[in-house]
Amino acid sequence: KNMKFLWLGVWEKNPRAIRFYEKNGFVTFDKHTFLLGSDMQ
């Protein structure tokens, strides 16, 4: 689709996923909140 970048959000307490994405060249550029039930993460 000729995209210029891929992006995603990953829970800060999910080191396995963070390592997976870092290994694939992703870098952290910001943070956002994610509502899990009543828990703001």
Full PDB file with SEQRES, HELIX, SHEET, SSBOND, CRYST1, ORIGX, SCALE, CONECT and MASTER records, all heavy atoms in Angstrom:
SEQRES   1 A   41  LYS ASN MET LYS PHE LEU TRP LEU GLY VAL TRP GLU LYS          
SEQRES   2 A   41  ASN PRO ARG ALA ILE ARG PHE TYR GLU LYS ASN GLY PHE          
SEQRES   3 A   41  VAL THR PHE ASP LYS HIS THR PHE LEU LEU GLY SER ASP          
SEQRES   4 A   41  MET GLN                                                      
HELIX    1 AA1 PRO A   15  LYS A   23  1                                   9    
SHEET    1 AA1 2 LEU A  35  LEU A  36  0                                        
SHEET    2 AA1 2 ASP A  39  MET A  40 -1                                        
CRYST1    1.000    1.000    1.000  90.00  90.00  90.00 P 1           1          
ORIGX1      1.000000  0.000000  0.000000        0.00000                         
ORIGX2      0.000000  1.000000  0.000000        0.00000                         
ORIGX3      0.000000  0.000000  1.000000        0.00000                         
SCALE1      1.000000  0.000000  0.000000        0.00000                         
SCALE2      0.000000  1.000000  0.000000        0.00000                         
SCALE3      0.000000  0.000000  1.000000        0.00000                         
ATOM      1  N   LYS A   1       0.823  -1.212   0.000  1.00  0.00           N  
ATOM      2  CA  LYS A   1       0.000   0.000   0.000  1.00  0.00           C  
ATOM      3  C   LYS A   1       0.861   1.268   0.000  1.00  0.00           C  
ATOM      4  O   LYS A   1       0.347   2.370   0.186  1.00  0.00           O  
ATOM      5  CB  LYS A   1      -0.943   0.000   1.206  1.00  0.00           C  
ATOM      6  CG  LYS A   1      -2.000  -1.100   1.134  1.00  0.00           C  
ATOM      7  CD  LYS A   1      -2.951  -1.026   2.302  1.00  0.00           C  
ATOM      8  CE  LYS A   1      -4.030  -2.066   2.211  1.00  0.00           C  
ATOM      9  NZ  LYS A   1      -4.881  -1.962   1.042  1.00  0.00           N  
ATOM     10  N   ASN A   2       2.179   1.089  -0.188  1.00  0.00           N  
ATOM     11  CA  ASN A   2       3.124   2.215  -0.228  1.00  0.00           C  
ATOM     12  C   ASN A   2       3.085   3.086   1.025  1.00  0.00           C  
ATOM     13  O   ASN A   2       3.185   4.309   0.940  1.00  0.00           O  
ATOM     14  CB  ASN A   2       2.888   3.078  -1.474  1.00  0.00           C  
ATOM     15  CG  ASN A   2       3.141   2.304  -2.744  1.00  0.00           C  
ATOM     16  OD1 ASN A   2       4.168   1.623  -2.865  1.00  0.00           O  
ATOM     17  ND2 ASN A   2       2.208   2.360  -3.672  1.00  0.00           N  
ATOM     18  N   MET A   3       2.934   2.465   2.173  1.00  0.00           N  
ATOM     19  CA  MET A   3       2.916   3.200   3.431  1.00  0.00           C  
ATOM     20  C   MET A   3       4.330   3.651   3.778  1.00  0.00           C  
ATOM     21  O   MET A   3       5.309   2.984   3.448  1.00  0.00           O  
ATOM     22  CB  MET A   3       2.362   2.325   4.562  1.00  0.00           C  
ATOM     23  CG  MET A   3       0.931   1.871   4.346  1.00  0.00           C  
ATOM     24  SD  MET A   3      -0.188   3.279   4.306  1.00  0.00           S  
ATOM     25  CE  MET A   3      -1.746   2.463   4.070  1.00  0.00           C  
ATOM     26  N   LYS A   4       4.401   4.769   4.498  1.00  0.00           N  
ATOM     27  CA  LYS A   4       5.708   5.297   4.902  1.00  0.00           C  
ATOM     28  C   LYS A   4       6.142   4.761   6.265  1.00  0.00           C  
ATOM     29  O   LYS A   4       7.320   4.743   6.573  1.00  0.00           O  
ATOM     30  CB  LYS A   4       5.671   6.819   4.917  1.00  0.00           C  
ATOM     31  CG  LYS A   4       5.534   7.391   3.514  1.00  0.00           C  
ATOM     32  CD  LYS A   4       5.844   8.863   3.484  1.00  0.00           C  
ATOM     33  CE  LYS A   4       5.923   9.300   2.041  1.00  0.00           C  
ATOM     34  NZ  LYS A   4       4.921  10.264   1.674  1.00  0.00           N  
ATOM     35  N   PHE A   5       5.163   4.343   7.080  1.00  0.00           N  
ATOM     36  CA  PHE A   5       5.537   3.759   8.368  1.00  0.00           C  
ATOM     37  C   PHE A   5       4.440   2.857   8.924  1.00  0.00           C  
ATOM     38  O   PHE A   5       3.278   2.973   8.557  1.00  0.00           O  
ATOM     39  CB  PHE A   5       5.942   4.825   9.391  1.00  0.00           C  
ATOM     40  CG  PHE A   5       4.866   5.781   9.826  1.00  0.00           C  
ATOM     41  CD1 PHE A   5       4.141   5.555  10.985  1.00  0.00           C  
ATOM     42  CD2 PHE A   5       4.594   6.928   9.095  1.00  0.00           C  
ATOM     43  CE1 PHE A   5       3.161   6.439  11.405  1.00  0.00           C  
ATOM     44  CE2 PHE A   5       3.615   7.832   9.504  1.00  0.00           C  
ATOM     45  CZ  PHE A   5       2.901   7.580  10.655  1.00  0.00           C  
ATOM     46  N   LEU A   6       4.884   1.952   9.786  1.00  0.00           N  
ATOM     47  CA  LEU A   6       4.018   1.076  10.581  1.00  0.00           C  
ATOM     48  C   LEU A   6       4.030   1.630  11.999  1.00  0.00           C  
ATOM     49  O   LEU A   6       5.061   2.118  12.463  1.00  0.00           O  
ATOM     50  CB  LEU A   6       4.587  -0.336  10.635  1.00  0.00           C  
ATOM     51  CG  LEU A   6       4.360  -1.279   9.487  1.00  0.00           C  
ATOM     52  CD1 LEU A   6       5.258  -2.499   9.645  1.00  0.00           C  
ATOM     53  CD2 LEU A   6       2.923  -1.722   9.434  1.00  0.00           C  
ATOM     54  N   TRP A   7       2.922   1.509  12.700  1.00  0.00           N  
ATOM     55  CA  TRP A   7       2.907   1.917  14.098  1.00  0.00           C  
ATOM     56  C   TRP A   7       1.981   1.005  14.895  1.00  0.00           C  
ATOM     57  O   TRP A   7       1.173   0.274  14.337  1.00  0.00           O  
ATOM     58  CB  TRP A   7       2.501   3.386  14.250  1.00  0.00           C  
ATOM     59  CG  TRP A   7       1.057   3.656  14.009  1.00  0.00           C  
ATOM     60  CD1 TRP A   7       0.457   3.900  12.807  1.00  0.00           C  
ATOM     61  CD2 TRP A   7       0.022   3.710  14.995  1.00  0.00           C  
ATOM     62  NE1 TRP A   7      -0.887   4.086  12.982  1.00  0.00           N  
ATOM     63  CE2 TRP A   7      -1.181   3.992  14.310  1.00  0.00           C  
ATOM     64  CE3 TRP A   7      -0.010   3.548  16.383  1.00  0.00           C  
ATOM     65  CZ2 TRP A   7      -2.404   4.121  14.968  1.00  0.00           C  
ATOM     66  CZ3 TRP A   7      -1.221   3.668  17.044  1.00  0.00           C  
ATOM     67  CH2 TRP A   7      -2.397   3.962  16.340  1.00  0.00           C  
ATOM     68  N   LEU A   8       2.126   1.059  16.212  1.00  0.00           N  
ATOM     69  CA  LEU A   8       1.321   0.233  17.107  1.00  0.00           C  
ATOM     70  C   LEU A   8       1.421   0.767  18.523  1.00  0.00           C  
ATOM     71  O   LEU A   8       2.285   1.585  18.824  1.00  0.00           O  
ATOM     72  CB  LEU A   8       1.804  -1.225  17.058  1.00  0.00           C  
ATOM     73  CG  LEU A   8       3.296  -1.445  17.345  1.00  0.00           C  
ATOM     74  CD1 LEU A   8       3.533  -1.731  18.812  1.00  0.00           C  
ATOM     75  CD2 LEU A   8       3.831  -2.559  16.492  1.00  0.00           C  
ATOM     76  N   GLY A   9       0.532   0.273  19.359  1.00  0.00           N  
ATOM     77  CA  GLY A   9       0.601   0.534  20.790  1.00  0.00           C  
ATOM     78  C   GLY A   9       0.831  -0.789  21.500  1.00  0.00           C  
ATOM     79  O   GLY A   9       0.237  -1.800  21.142  1.00  0.00           O  
ATOM     80  N   VAL A  10       1.723  -0.797  22.484  1.00  0.00           N  
ATOM     81  CA  VAL A  10       2.019  -2.016  23.241  1.00  0.00           C  
ATOM     82  C   VAL A  10       2.074  -1.661  24.731  1.00  0.00           C  
ATOM     83  O   VAL A  10       2.655  -0.642  25.115  1.00  0.00           O  
ATOM     84  CB  VAL A  10       3.332  -2.688  22.744  1.00  0.00           C  
ATOM     85  CG1 VAL A  10       4.530  -1.770  22.889  1.00  0.00           C  
ATOM     86  CG2 VAL A  10       3.586  -4.009  23.452  1.00  0.00           C  
ATOM     87  N   TRP A  11       1.433  -2.486  25.545  1.00  0.00           N  
ATOM     88  CA  TRP A  11       1.376  -2.227  26.985  1.00  0.00           C  
ATOM     89  C   TRP A  11       2.777  -2.125  27.559  1.00  0.00           C  
ATOM     90  O   TRP A  11       3.634  -2.976  27.290  1.00  0.00           O  
ATOM     91  CB  TRP A  11       0.586  -3.337  27.667  1.00  0.00           C  
ATOM     92  CG  TRP A  11       0.238  -3.099  29.110  1.00  0.00           C  
ATOM     93  CD1 TRP A  11       0.064  -1.898  29.734  1.00  0.00           C  
ATOM     94  CD2 TRP A  11       0.021  -4.089  30.101  1.00  0.00           C  
ATOM     95  NE1 TRP A  11      -0.263  -2.084  31.055  1.00  0.00           N  
ATOM     96  CE2 TRP A  11      -0.293  -3.429  31.312  1.00  0.00           C  
ATOM     97  CE3 TRP A  11       0.039  -5.479  30.091  1.00  0.00           C  
ATOM     98  CZ2 TRP A  11      -0.575  -4.102  32.492  1.00  0.00           C  
ATOM     99  CZ3 TRP A  11      -0.247  -6.158  31.266  1.00  0.00           C  
ATOM    100  CH2 TRP A  11      -0.549  -5.465  32.459  1.00  0.00           C  
ATOM    101  N   GLU A  12       3.017  -1.093  28.355  1.00  0.00           N  
ATOM    102  CA  GLU A  12       4.347  -0.862  28.923  1.00  0.00           C  
ATOM    103  C   GLU A  12       4.800  -2.013  29.837  1.00  0.00           C  
ATOM    104  O   GLU A  12       5.994  -2.167  30.072  1.00  0.00           O  
ATOM    105  CB  GLU A  12       4.385   0.465  29.684  1.00  0.00           C  
ATOM    106  CG  GLU A  12       3.516   0.482  30.930  1.00  0.00           C  
ATOM    107  CD  GLU A  12       3.531   1.811  31.668  1.00  0.00           C  
ATOM    108  OE1 GLU A  12       4.329   2.701  31.316  1.00  0.00           O  
ATOM    109  OE2 GLU A  12       2.732   1.948  32.613  1.00  0.00           O  
ATOM    110  N   LYS A  13       3.857  -2.832  30.303  1.00  0.00           N  
ATOM    111  CA  LYS A  13       4.199  -3.968  31.166  1.00  0.00           C  
ATOM    112  C   LYS A  13       4.245  -5.277  30.388  1.00  0.00           C  
ATOM    113  O   LYS A  13       4.064  -6.354  30.952  1.00  0.00           O  
ATOM    114  CB  LYS A  13       3.196  -4.071  32.320  1.00  0.00           C  
ATOM    115  CG  LYS A  13       3.278  -2.890  33.268  1.00  0.00           C  
ATOM    116  CD  LYS A  13       2.287  -3.019  34.397  1.00  0.00           C  
ATOM    117  CE  LYS A  13       2.371  -1.816  35.317  1.00  0.00           C  
ATOM    118  NZ  LYS A  13       1.364  -1.865  36.369  1.00  0.00           N  
ATOM    119  N   ASN A  14       4.508  -5.195  29.081  1.00  0.00           N  
ATOM    120  CA  ASN A  14       4.606  -6.377  28.228  1.00  0.00           C  
ATOM    121  C   ASN A  14       5.999  -6.416  27.591  1.00  0.00           C  
ATOM    122  O   ASN A  14       6.163  -6.158  26.405  1.00  0.00           O  
ATOM    123  CB  ASN A  14       3.504  -6.351  27.164  1.00  0.00           C  
ATOM    124  CG  ASN A  14       3.419  -7.644  26.384  1.00  0.00           C  
ATOM    125  OD1 ASN A  14       4.266  -8.527  26.492  1.00  0.00           O  
ATOM    126  ND2 ASN A  14       2.391  -7.749  25.563  1.00  0.00           N  
ATOM    127  N   PRO A  15       7.019  -6.748  28.398  1.00  0.00           N  
ATOM    128  CA  PRO A  15       8.396  -6.691  27.887  1.00  0.00           C  
ATOM    129  C   PRO A  15       8.645  -7.648  26.720  1.00  0.00           C  
ATOM    130  O   PRO A  15       9.448  -7.340  25.835  1.00  0.00           O  
ATOM    131  CB  PRO A  15       9.265  -7.040  29.097  1.00  0.00           C  
ATOM    132  CG  PRO A  15       8.346  -7.762  30.036  1.00  0.00           C  
ATOM    133  CD  PRO A  15       6.972  -7.197  29.796  1.00  0.00           C  
ATOM    134  N   ARG A  16       7.972  -8.766  26.698  1.00  0.00           N  
ATOM    135  CA  ARG A  16       8.155  -9.731  25.598  1.00  0.00           C  
ATOM    136  C   ARG A  16       7.769  -9.093  24.255  1.00  0.00           C  
ATOM    137  O   ARG A  16       8.501  -9.190  23.274  1.00  0.00           O  
ATOM    138  CB  ARG A  16       7.322 -10.985  25.865  1.00  0.00           C  
ATOM    139  CG  ARG A  16       7.413 -12.033  24.795  1.00  0.00           C  
ATOM    140  CD  ARG A  16       6.446 -13.202  25.093  1.00  0.00           C  
ATOM    141  NE  ARG A  16       6.601 -14.229  24.115  1.00  0.00           N  
ATOM    142  CZ  ARG A  16       7.362 -15.293  24.239  1.00  0.00           C  
ATOM    143  NH1 ARG A  16       8.065 -15.463  25.339  1.00  0.00           N  
ATOM    144  NH2 ARG A  16       7.455 -16.179  23.288  1.00  0.00           N  
ATOM    145  N   ALA A  17       6.612  -8.435  24.220  1.00  0.00           N  
ATOM    146  CA  ALA A  17       6.161  -7.779  22.987  1.00  0.00           C  
ATOM    147  C   ALA A  17       7.052  -6.590  22.644  1.00  0.00           C  
ATOM    148  O   ALA A  17       7.391  -6.383  21.472  1.00  0.00           O  
ATOM    149  CB  ALA A  17       4.707  -7.339  23.122  1.00  0.00           C  
ATOM    150  N   ILE A  18       7.443  -5.820  23.639  1.00  0.00           N  
ATOM    151  CA  ILE A  18       8.323  -4.670  23.379  1.00  0.00           C  
ATOM    152  C   ILE A  18       9.627  -5.147  22.740  1.00  0.00           C  
ATOM    153  O   ILE A  18      10.085  -4.575  21.739  1.00  0.00           O  
ATOM    154  CB  ILE A  18       8.580  -3.870  24.675  1.00  0.00           C  
ATOM    155  CG1 ILE A  18       7.273  -3.219  25.150  1.00  0.00           C  
ATOM    156  CG2 ILE A  18       9.677  -2.826  24.464  1.00  0.00           C  
ATOM    157  CD1 ILE A  18       7.319  -2.666  26.563  1.00  0.00           C  
ATOM    158  N   ARG A  19      10.227  -6.197  23.290  1.00  0.00           N  
ATOM    159  CA  ARG A  19      11.466  -6.748  22.704  1.00  0.00           C  
ATOM    160  C   ARG A  19      11.235  -7.233  21.278  1.00  0.00           C  
ATOM    161  O   ARG A  19      12.078  -7.038  20.398  1.00  0.00           O  
ATOM    162  CB  ARG A  19      11.999  -7.913  23.555  1.00  0.00           C  
ATOM    163  CG  ARG A  19      12.767  -7.472  24.792  1.00  0.00           C  
ATOM    164  CD  ARG A  19      13.517  -8.618  25.455  1.00  0.00           C  
ATOM    165  NE  ARG A  19      12.706  -9.801  25.720  1.00  0.00           N  
ATOM    166  CZ  ARG A  19      11.962  -9.977  26.805  1.00  0.00           C  
ATOM    167  NH1 ARG A  19      11.925  -9.055  27.741  1.00  0.00           N  
ATOM    168  NH2 ARG A  19      11.265 -11.081  26.962  1.00  0.00           N  
ATOM    169  N   PHE A  20      10.091  -7.887  21.024  1.00  0.00           N  
ATOM    170  CA  PHE A  20       9.762  -8.372  19.688  1.00  0.00           C  
ATOM    171  C   PHE A  20       9.760  -7.217  18.688  1.00  0.00           C  
ATOM    172  O   PHE A  20      10.368  -7.298  17.618  1.00  0.00           O  
ATOM    173  CB  PHE A  20       8.390  -9.062  19.719  1.00  0.00           C  
ATOM    174  CG  PHE A  20       7.864  -9.471  18.363  1.00  0.00           C  
ATOM    175  CD1 PHE A  20       8.275 -10.657  17.778  1.00  0.00           C  
ATOM    176  CD2 PHE A  20       6.966  -8.664  17.677  1.00  0.00           C  
ATOM    177  CE1 PHE A  20       7.788 -11.038  16.524  1.00  0.00           C  
ATOM    178  CE2 PHE A  20       6.479  -9.033  16.428  1.00  0.00           C  
ATOM    179  CZ  PHE A  20       6.892 -10.225  15.851  1.00  0.00           C  
ATOM    180  N   TYR A  21       9.086  -6.132  19.039  1.00  0.00           N  
ATOM    181  CA  TYR A  21       8.999  -5.004  18.115  1.00  0.00           C  
ATOM    182  C   TYR A  21      10.339  -4.285  17.982  1.00  0.00           C  
ATOM    183  O   TYR A  21      10.718  -3.874  16.881  1.00  0.00           O  
ATOM    184  CB  TYR A  21       7.874  -4.055  18.516  1.00  0.00           C  
ATOM    185  CG  TYR A  21       6.518  -4.696  18.318  1.00  0.00           C  
ATOM    186  CD1 TYR A  21       5.672  -4.958  19.384  1.00  0.00           C  
ATOM    187  CD2 TYR A  21       6.105  -5.081  17.044  1.00  0.00           C  
ATOM    188  CE1 TYR A  21       4.446  -5.579  19.190  1.00  0.00           C  
ATOM    189  CE2 TYR A  21       4.883  -5.708  16.846  1.00  0.00           C  
ATOM    190  CZ  TYR A  21       4.065  -5.944  17.921  1.00  0.00           C  
ATOM    191  OH  TYR A  21       2.859  -6.563  17.726  1.00  0.00           O  
ATOM    192  N   GLU A  22      11.066  -4.140  19.070  1.00  0.00           N  
ATOM    193  CA  GLU A  22      12.394  -3.522  18.980  1.00  0.00           C  
ATOM    194  C   GLU A  22      13.318  -4.350  18.085  1.00  0.00           C  
ATOM    195  O   GLU A  22      14.067  -3.794  17.272  1.00  0.00           O  
ATOM    196  CB  GLU A  22      13.008  -3.353  20.373  1.00  0.00           C  
ATOM    197  CG  GLU A  22      12.363  -2.252  21.179  1.00  0.00           C  
ATOM    198  CD  GLU A  22      12.867  -2.153  22.599  1.00  0.00           C  
ATOM    199  OE1 GLU A  22      13.458  -3.124  23.127  1.00  0.00           O  
ATOM    200  OE2 GLU A  22      12.656  -1.093  23.210  1.00  0.00           O  
ATOM    201  N   LYS A  23      13.254  -5.659  18.225  1.00  0.00           N  
ATOM    202  CA  LYS A  23      14.062  -6.547  17.385  1.00  0.00           C  
ATOM    203  C   LYS A  23      13.730  -6.353  15.903  1.00  0.00           C  
ATOM    204  O   LYS A  23      14.585  -6.519  15.036  1.00  0.00           O  
ATOM    205  CB  LYS A  23      13.820  -8.005  17.808  1.00  0.00           C  
ATOM    206  CG  LYS A  23      14.634  -9.040  17.046  1.00  0.00           C  
ATOM    207  CD  LYS A  23      14.265 -10.449  17.477  1.00  0.00           C  
ATOM    208  CE  LYS A  23      12.993 -10.814  16.760  1.00  0.00           C  
ATOM    209  NZ  LYS A  23      12.528 -12.159  16.899  1.00  0.00           N  
ATOM    210  N   ASN A  24      12.492  -5.972  15.624  1.00  0.00           N  
ATOM    211  CA  ASN A  24      12.057  -5.743  14.248  1.00  0.00           C  
ATOM    212  C   ASN A  24      12.216  -4.284  13.802  1.00  0.00           C  
ATOM    213  O   ASN A  24      11.698  -3.902  12.756  1.00  0.00           O  
ATOM    214  CB  ASN A  24      10.609  -6.206  14.071  1.00  0.00           C  
ATOM    215  CG  ASN A  24      10.523  -7.717  13.926  1.00  0.00           C  
ATOM    216  OD1 ASN A  24      10.940  -8.264  12.916  1.00  0.00           O  
ATOM    217  ND2 ASN A  24      10.013  -8.393  14.946  1.00  0.00           N  
ATOM    218  N   GLY A  25      12.935  -3.498  14.598  1.00  0.00           N  
ATOM    219  CA  GLY A  25      13.295  -2.147  14.188  1.00  0.00           C  
ATOM    220  C   GLY A  25      12.373  -1.033  14.658  1.00  0.00           C  
ATOM    221  O   GLY A  25      12.592   0.138  14.328  1.00  0.00           O  
ATOM    222  N   PHE A  26      11.362  -1.348  15.448  1.00  0.00           N  
ATOM    223  CA  PHE A  26      10.454  -0.321  15.947  1.00  0.00           C  
ATOM    224  C   PHE A  26      11.128   0.486  17.055  1.00  0.00           C  
ATOM    225  O   PHE A  26      11.941  -0.050  17.822  1.00  0.00           O  
ATOM    226  CB  PHE A  26       9.177  -0.953  16.515  1.00  0.00           C  
ATOM    227  CG  PHE A  26       8.199  -1.404  15.477  1.00  0.00           C  
ATOM    228  CD1 PHE A  26       8.402  -2.580  14.770  1.00  0.00           C  
ATOM    229  CD2 PHE A  26       7.065  -0.652  15.198  1.00  0.00           C  
ATOM    230  CE1 PHE A  26       7.498  -3.010  13.806  1.00  0.00           C  
ATOM    231  CE2 PHE A  26       6.150  -1.066  14.236  1.00  0.00           C  
ATOM    232  CZ  PHE A  26       6.377  -2.242  13.533  1.00  0.00           C  
ATOM    233  N   VAL A  27      10.769   1.769  17.139  1.00  0.00           N  
ATOM    234  CA  VAL A  27      11.245   2.633  18.210  1.00  0.00           C  
ATOM    235  C   VAL A  27      10.040   3.297  18.873  1.00  0.00           C  
ATOM    236  O   VAL A  27       9.036   3.590  18.220  1.00  0.00           O  
ATOM    237  CB  VAL A  27      12.235   3.712  17.699  1.00  0.00           C  
ATOM    238  CG1 VAL A  27      13.520   3.072  17.201  1.00  0.00           C  
ATOM    239  CG2 VAL A  27      11.611   4.582  16.630  1.00  0.00           C  
ATOM    240  N   THR A  28      10.160   3.548  20.161  1.00  0.00           N  
ATOM    241  CA  THR A  28       9.108   4.227  20.912  1.00  0.00           C  
ATOM    242  C   THR A  28       9.126   5.709  20.559  1.00  0.00           C  
ATOM    243  O   THR A  28      10.188   6.320  20.523  1.00  0.00           O  
ATOM    244  CB  THR A  28       9.319   4.032  22.421  1.00  0.00           C  
ATOM    245  OG1 THR A  28       9.311   2.623  22.705  1.00  0.00           O  
ATOM    246  CG2 THR A  28       8.239   4.717  23.237  1.00  0.00           C  
ATOM    247  N   PHE A  29       7.937   6.264  20.288  1.00  0.00           N  
ATOM    248  CA  PHE A  29       7.877   7.688  19.963  1.00  0.00           C  
ATOM    249  C   PHE A  29       6.877   8.454  20.821  1.00  0.00           C  
ATOM    250  O   PHE A  29       6.858   9.683  20.807  1.00  0.00           O  
ATOM    251  CB  PHE A  29       7.572   7.898  18.469  1.00  0.00           C  
ATOM    252  CG  PHE A  29       6.182   7.524  18.043  1.00  0.00           C  
ATOM    253  CD1 PHE A  29       5.170   8.478  17.976  1.00  0.00           C  
ATOM    254  CD2 PHE A  29       5.863   6.212  17.712  1.00  0.00           C  
ATOM    255  CE1 PHE A  29       3.889   8.137  17.584  1.00  0.00           C  
ATOM    256  CE2 PHE A  29       4.590   5.860  17.308  1.00  0.00           C  
ATOM    257  CZ  PHE A  29       3.594   6.828  17.245  1.00  0.00           C  
ATOM    258  N   ASP A  30       6.044   7.751  21.584  1.00  0.00           N  
ATOM    259  CA  ASP A  30       5.050   8.444  22.404  1.00  0.00           C  
ATOM    260  C   ASP A  30       4.404   7.414  23.333  1.00  0.00           C  
ATOM    261  O   ASP A  30       4.771   6.237  23.331  1.00  0.00           O  
ATOM    262  CB  ASP A  30       3.985   9.088  21.511  1.00  0.00           C  
ATOM    263  CG  ASP A  30       3.279  10.270  22.180  1.00  0.00           C  
ATOM    264  OD1 ASP A  30       3.466  10.490  23.398  1.00  0.00           O  
ATOM    265  OD2 ASP A  30       2.529  10.965  21.478  1.00  0.00           O  
ATOM    266  N   LYS A  31       3.420   7.861  24.100  1.00  0.00           N  
ATOM    267  CA  LYS A  31       2.623   6.991  24.968  1.00  0.00           C  
ATOM    268  C   LYS A  31       1.163   7.384  24.796  1.00  0.00           C  
ATOM    269  O   LYS A  31       0.853   8.497  24.386  1.00  0.00           O  
ATOM    270  CB  LYS A  31       3.004   7.176  26.437  1.00  0.00           C  
ATOM    271  CG  LYS A  31       4.397   6.740  26.783  1.00  0.00           C  
ATOM    272  CD  LYS A  31       4.681   6.955  28.253  1.00  0.00           C  
ATOM    273  CE  LYS A  31       6.091   6.478  28.576  1.00  0.00           C  
ATOM    274  NZ  LYS A  31       6.391   6.601  30.000  1.00  0.00           N  
ATOM    275  N   HIS A  32       0.267   6.437  25.093  1.00  0.00           N  
ATOM    276  CA  HIS A  32      -1.154   6.757  25.147  1.00  0.00           C  
ATOM    277  C   HIS A  32      -1.803   5.881  26.203  1.00  0.00           C  
ATOM    278  O   HIS A  32      -1.224   4.916  26.668  1.00  0.00           O  
ATOM    279  CB  HIS A  32      -1.828   6.634  23.777  1.00  0.00           C  
ATOM    280  CG  HIS A  32      -1.957   5.225  23.262  1.00  0.00           C  
ATOM    281  ND1 HIS A  32      -2.631   4.925  22.112  1.00  0.00           N  
ATOM    282  CD2 HIS A  32      -1.520   4.030  23.740  1.00  0.00           C  
ATOM    283  CE1 HIS A  32      -2.590   3.625  21.896  1.00  0.00           C  
ATOM    284  NE2 HIS A  32      -1.929   3.075  22.854  1.00  0.00           N  
ATOM    285  N   THR A  33      -3.015   6.256  26.587  1.00  0.00           N  
ATOM    286  CA  THR A  33      -3.719   5.470  27.597  1.00  0.00           C  
ATOM    287  C   THR A  33      -4.592   4.425  26.912  1.00  0.00           C  
ATOM    288  O   THR A  33      -5.059   4.601  25.790  1.00  0.00           O  
ATOM    289  CB  THR A  33      -4.585   6.361  28.499  1.00  0.00           C  
ATOM    290  OG1 THR A  33      -5.470   7.115  27.685  1.00  0.00           O  
ATOM    291  CG2 THR A  33      -3.721   7.292  29.337  1.00  0.00           C  
ATOM    292  N   PHE A  34      -4.765   3.339  27.619  1.00  0.00           N  
ATOM    293  CA  PHE A  34      -5.558   2.210  27.153  1.00  0.00           C  
ATOM    294  C   PHE A  34      -6.446   1.801  28.314  1.00  0.00           C  
ATOM    295  O   PHE A  34      -5.957   1.540  29.410  1.00  0.00           O  
ATOM    296  CB  PHE A  34      -4.622   1.055  26.755  1.00  0.00           C  
ATOM    297  CG  PHE A  34      -5.333  -0.190  26.319  1.00  0.00           C  
ATOM    298  CD1 PHE A  34      -5.794  -0.326  25.011  1.00  0.00           C  
ATOM    299  CD2 PHE A  34      -5.547  -1.251  27.202  1.00  0.00           C  
ATOM    300  CE1 PHE A  34      -6.443  -1.485  24.592  1.00  0.00           C  
ATOM    301  CE2 PHE A  34      -6.195  -2.409  26.799  1.00  0.00           C  
ATOM    302  CZ  PHE A  34      -6.645  -2.521  25.486  1.00  0.00           C  
ATOM    303  N   LEU A  35      -7.751   1.768  28.096  1.00  0.00           N  
ATOM    304  CA  LEU A  35      -8.685   1.430  29.156  1.00  0.00           C  
ATOM    305  C   LEU A  35      -9.008  -0.059  29.107  1.00  0.00           C  
ATOM    306  O   LEU A  35      -9.586  -0.550  28.143  1.00  0.00           O  
ATOM    307  CB  LEU A  35      -9.967   2.255  29.017  1.00  0.00           C  
ATOM    308  CG  LEU A  35     -10.960   2.135  30.166  1.00  0.00           C  
ATOM    309  CD1 LEU A  35     -10.323   2.626  31.476  1.00  0.00           C  
ATOM    310  CD2 LEU A  35     -12.214   2.949  29.856  1.00  0.00           C  
ATOM    311  N   LEU A  36      -8.593  -0.767  30.151  1.00  0.00           N  
ATOM    312  CA  LEU A  36      -8.897  -2.189  30.297  1.00  0.00           C  
ATOM    313  C   LEU A  36      -9.940  -2.304  31.403  1.00  0.00           C  
ATOM    314  O   LEU A  36      -9.599  -2.224  32.589  1.00  0.00           O  
ATOM    315  CB  LEU A  36      -7.644  -2.996  30.642  1.00  0.00           C  
ATOM    316  CG  LEU A  36      -7.890  -4.500  30.749  1.00  0.00           C  
ATOM    317  CD1 LEU A  36      -7.925  -5.119  29.359  1.00  0.00           C  
ATOM    318  CD2 LEU A  36      -6.851  -5.178  31.593  1.00  0.00           C  
ATOM    319  N   GLY A  37     -11.198  -2.442  31.009  1.00  0.00           N  
ATOM    320  CA  GLY A  37     -12.271  -2.415  32.006  1.00  0.00           C  
ATOM    321  C   GLY A  37     -12.316  -1.036  32.623  1.00  0.00           C  
ATOM    322  O   GLY A  37     -12.563  -0.046  31.942  1.00  0.00           O  
ATOM    323  N   SER A  38     -12.000  -0.960  33.927  1.00  0.00           N  
ATOM    324  CA  SER A  38     -11.948   0.342  34.609  1.00  0.00           C  
ATOM    325  C   SER A  38     -10.514   0.770  34.905  1.00  0.00           C  
ATOM    326  O   SER A  38     -10.288   1.800  35.526  1.00  0.00           O  
ATOM    327  CB  SER A  38     -12.746   0.270  35.916  1.00  0.00           C  
ATOM    328  OG  SER A  38     -12.147  -0.676  36.786  1.00  0.00           O  
ATOM    329  N   ASP A  39      -9.543  -0.015  34.452  1.00  0.00           N  
ATOM    330  CA  ASP A  39      -8.128   0.241  34.732  1.00  0.00           C  
ATOM    331  C   ASP A  39      -7.485   1.020  33.583  1.00  0.00           C  
ATOM    332  O   ASP A  39      -7.376   0.523  32.462  1.00  0.00           O  
ATOM    333  CB  ASP A  39      -7.396  -1.093  34.935  1.00  0.00           C  
ATOM    334  CG  ASP A  39      -5.954  -0.923  35.366  1.00  0.00           C  
ATOM    335  OD1 ASP A  39      -5.585   0.178  35.839  1.00  0.00           O  
ATOM    336  OD2 ASP A  39      -5.189  -1.895  35.229  1.00  0.00           O  
ATOM    337  N   MET A  40      -7.059   2.253  33.882  1.00  0.00           N  
ATOM    338  CA  MET A  40      -6.382   3.080  32.895  1.00  0.00           C  
ATOM    339  C   MET A  40      -4.905   2.658  32.852  1.00  0.00           C  
ATOM    340  O   MET A  40      -4.197   2.778  33.848  1.00  0.00           O  
ATOM    341  CB  MET A  40      -6.501   4.558  33.275  1.00  0.00           C  
ATOM    342  CG  MET A  40      -6.084   5.499  32.177  1.00  0.00           C  
ATOM    343  SD  MET A  40      -7.158   5.452  30.735  1.00  0.00           S  
ATOM    344  CE  MET A  40      -8.615   6.257  31.352  1.00  0.00           C  
ATOM    345  N   GLN A  41      -4.475   2.140  31.711  1.00  0.00           N  
ATOM    346  CA  GLN A  41      -3.108   1.649  31.551  1.00  0.00           C  
ATOM    347  C   GLN A  41      -2.369   2.503  30.529  1.00  0.00           C  
ATOM    348  O   GLN A  41      -2.978   3.255  29.779  1.00  0.00           O  
ATOM    349  CB  GLN A  41      -3.123   0.182  31.114  1.00  0.00           C  
ATOM    350  CG  GLN A  41      -3.815  -0.715  32.108  1.00  0.00           C  
ATOM    351  CD  GLN A  41      -3.798  -2.183  31.728  1.00  0.00           C  
ATOM    352  OE1 GLN A  41      -3.462  -2.560  30.613  1.00  0.00           O  
ATOM    353  NE2 GLN A  41      -4.167  -3.019  32.672  1.00  0.00           N  
TER     354      GLN A  41                                                      
MASTER        0    0    0    1    2    0    0    6  353    1    0    4          
END                                                                             
